[in-house]
Amino acid sequence: MDEFIKMLDKNLEYKSHEIIDDTIYIKVESNRKELKCPFCCQTSTKVHSHYKRSFQDLPIQGKKVIVILNNRKMFCTNPDCPVL
């Protein structure tokens, strides 16, 4: 299953999956340790919060596939960032 998830994005890590009725729920997590601020482009490792996103992928053997992504939002630590 991990190879399948890596095909979607190399920065995703497979956590678990569950089949309920005609739907496969796949839980994944971002494995990035640092992210760039979209405004000043400085990298940060300081975690602000966690959030979940979900998206639908192509069916597998006639079952709907929903990928649930557990992601992190980071604080920008640059004092010169235009958004701060």
C-alpha atoms as a PDB file:
ATOM      1  CA  MET A   1       0.000   0.000   0.000  1.00  0.00           C
ATOM      2  CA  ASP A   2       2.903   2.362   0.751  1.00  0.00           C
ATOM      3  CA  GLU A   3       4.097   2.092  -2.881  1.00  0.00           C
ATOM      4  CA  PHE A   4       0.616   3.086  -4.060  1.00  0.00           C
ATOM      5  CA  ILE A   5       0.648   6.161  -1.793  1.00  0.00           C
ATOM      6  CA  LYS A   6       4.177   7.136  -2.917  1.00  0.00           C
ATOM      7  CA  MET A   7       2.836   7.156  -6.506  1.00  0.00           C
ATOM      8  CA  LEU A   8       0.404   9.902  -5.444  1.00  0.00           C
ATOM      9  CA  ASP A   9       3.101  11.968  -3.694  1.00  0.00           C
ATOM     10  CA  LYS A  10       6.558  10.996  -2.418  1.00  0.00           C
ATOM     11  CA  ASN A  11       5.970  13.149   0.687  1.00  0.00           C
ATOM     12  CA  LEU A  12       3.023  11.058   1.876  1.00  0.00           C
ATOM     13  CA  GLU A  13       3.269   8.208   4.358  1.00  0.00           C
ATOM     14  CA  TYR A  14       0.676   5.435   4.550  1.00  0.00           C
ATOM     15  CA  LYS A  15      -0.903   5.051   8.015  1.00  0.00           C
ATOM     16  CA  SER A  16      -3.936   2.767   7.659  1.00  0.00           C
ATOM     17  CA  HIS A  17      -6.925   1.872   5.562  1.00  0.00           C
ATOM     18  CA  GLU A  18     -10.487   0.768   6.195  1.00  0.00           C
ATOM     19  CA  ILE A  19     -13.152  -0.678   3.904  1.00  0.00           C
ATOM     20  CA  ILE A  20     -16.701   0.353   4.744  1.00  0.00           C
ATOM     21  CA  ASP A  21     -19.451  -0.862   2.385  1.00  0.00           C
ATOM     22  CA  ASP A  22     -18.359   0.173  -1.135  1.00  0.00           C
ATOM     23  CA  THR A  23     -15.696   2.710  -0.053  1.00  0.00           C
ATOM     24  CA  ILE A  24     -12.006   2.325   0.785  1.00  0.00           C
ATOM     25  CA  TYR A  25     -10.726   4.986   3.193  1.00  0.00           C
ATOM     26  CA  ILE A  26      -6.949   5.396   3.101  1.00  0.00           C
ATOM     27  CA  LYS A  27      -5.323   7.478   5.847  1.00  0.00           C
ATOM     28  CA  VAL A  28      -2.025   9.154   4.990  1.00  0.00           C
ATOM     29  CA  GLU A  29       0.230  11.738   6.599  1.00  0.00           C
ATOM     30  CA  SER A  30       2.694  14.273   5.265  1.00  0.00           C
ATOM     31  CA  ASN A  31       6.266  13.343   6.159  1.00  0.00           C
ATOM     32  CA  ARG A  32       7.736  16.780   5.480  1.00  0.00           C
ATOM     33  CA  LYS A  33       9.701  18.164   8.411  1.00  0.00           C
ATOM     34  CA  GLU A  34       9.866  21.714   7.112  1.00  0.00           C
ATOM     35  CA  LEU A  35       7.854  23.886   4.741  1.00  0.00           C
ATOM     36  CA  LYS A  36       8.466  27.142   2.905  1.00  0.00           C
ATOM     37  CA  CYS A  37       6.384  30.172   3.724  1.00  0.00           C
ATOM     38  CA  PRO A  38       4.341  31.029   0.601  1.00  0.00           C
ATOM     39  CA  PHE A  39       4.969  34.741   1.175  1.00  0.00           C
ATOM     40  CA  CYS A  40       8.670  35.047   2.026  1.00  0.00           C
ATOM     41  CA  CYS A  41       9.932  31.557   1.033  1.00  0.00           C
ATOM     42  CA  GLN A  42      11.822  30.993   4.292  1.00  0.00           C
ATOM     43  CA  THR A  43      11.653  27.445   5.632  1.00  0.00           C
ATOM     44  CA  SER A  44      10.090  26.710   8.982  1.00  0.00           C
ATOM     45  CA  THR A  45       9.828  23.677  11.256  1.00  0.00           C
ATOM     46  CA  LYS A  46       7.576  25.268  13.854  1.00  0.00           C
ATOM     47  CA  VAL A  47       4.163  23.570  13.794  1.00  0.00           C
ATOM     48  CA  HIS A  48       1.118  25.824  14.103  1.00  0.00           C
ATOM     49  CA  SER A  49      -1.675  23.245  13.876  1.00  0.00           C
ATOM     50  CA  HIS A  50      -2.888  20.032  12.253  1.00  0.00           C
ATOM     51  CA  TYR A  51      -5.772  19.637   9.841  1.00  0.00           C
ATOM     52  CA  LYS A  52      -7.317  16.943   7.665  1.00  0.00           C
ATOM     53  CA  ARG A  53      -8.153  17.073   3.997  1.00  0.00           C
ATOM     54  CA  SER A  54      -9.776  14.383   1.927  1.00  0.00           C
ATOM     55  CA  PHE A  55      -9.920  13.741  -1.783  1.00  0.00           C
ATOM     56  CA  GLN A  56     -11.317  11.052  -3.999  1.00  0.00           C
ATOM     57  CA  ASP A  57      -9.066   8.873  -6.139  1.00  0.00           C
ATOM     58  CA  LEU A  58      -9.892   6.464  -8.937  1.00  0.00           C
ATOM     59  CA  PRO A  59     -11.915   3.366  -7.952  1.00  0.00           C
ATOM     60  CA  ILE A  60     -10.173   0.116  -7.017  1.00  0.00           C
ATOM     61  CA  GLN A  61     -12.082  -3.047  -8.003  1.00  0.00           C
ATOM     62  CA  GLY A  62     -15.326  -1.102  -8.207  1.00  0.00           C
ATOM     63  CA  LYS A  63     -14.937   0.496  -4.776  1.00  0.00           C
ATOM     64  CA  LYS A  64     -14.774   4.267  -4.299  1.00  0.00           C
ATOM     65  CA  VAL A  65     -11.431   5.430  -2.859  1.00  0.00           C
ATOM     66  CA  ILE A  66     -11.168   8.357  -0.450  1.00  0.00           C
ATOM     67  CA  VAL A  67      -7.741   9.459   0.740  1.00  0.00           C
ATOM     68  CA  ILE A  68      -7.707  11.276   4.095  1.00  0.00           C
ATOM     69  CA  LEU A  69      -4.607  13.438   4.524  1.00  0.00           C
ATOM     70  CA  ASN A  70      -3.406  14.497   7.968  1.00  0.00           C
ATOM     71  CA  ASN A  71      -1.338  17.616   7.385  1.00  0.00           C
ATOM     72  CA  ARG A  72       0.406  20.356   9.377  1.00  0.00           C
ATOM     73  CA  LYS A  73       0.272  24.120   9.128  1.00  0.00           C
ATOM     74  CA  MET A  74       3.536  25.864  10.028  1.00  0.00           C
ATOM     75  CA  PHE A  75       4.370  29.202  11.639  1.00  0.00           C
ATOM     76  CA  CYS A  76       6.606  31.510   9.654  1.00  0.00           C
ATOM     77  CA  THR A  77       9.560  32.454  11.855  1.00  0.00           C
ATOM     78  CA  ASN A  78      10.898  35.196   9.595  1.00  0.00           C
ATOM     79  CA  PRO A  79      10.465  38.583  11.376  1.00  0.00           C
ATOM     80  CA  ASP A  80      10.628  40.303   7.959  1.00  0.00           C
ATOM     81  CA  CYS A  81       7.804  38.268   6.436  1.00  0.00           C
ATOM     82  CA  PRO A  82       5.254  40.623   4.834  1.00  0.00           C
ATOM     83  CA  VAL A  83       2.303  38.684   6.298  1.00  0.00           C
ATOM     84  CA  LEU A  84       3.464  38.924   9.914  1.00  0.00           C
END
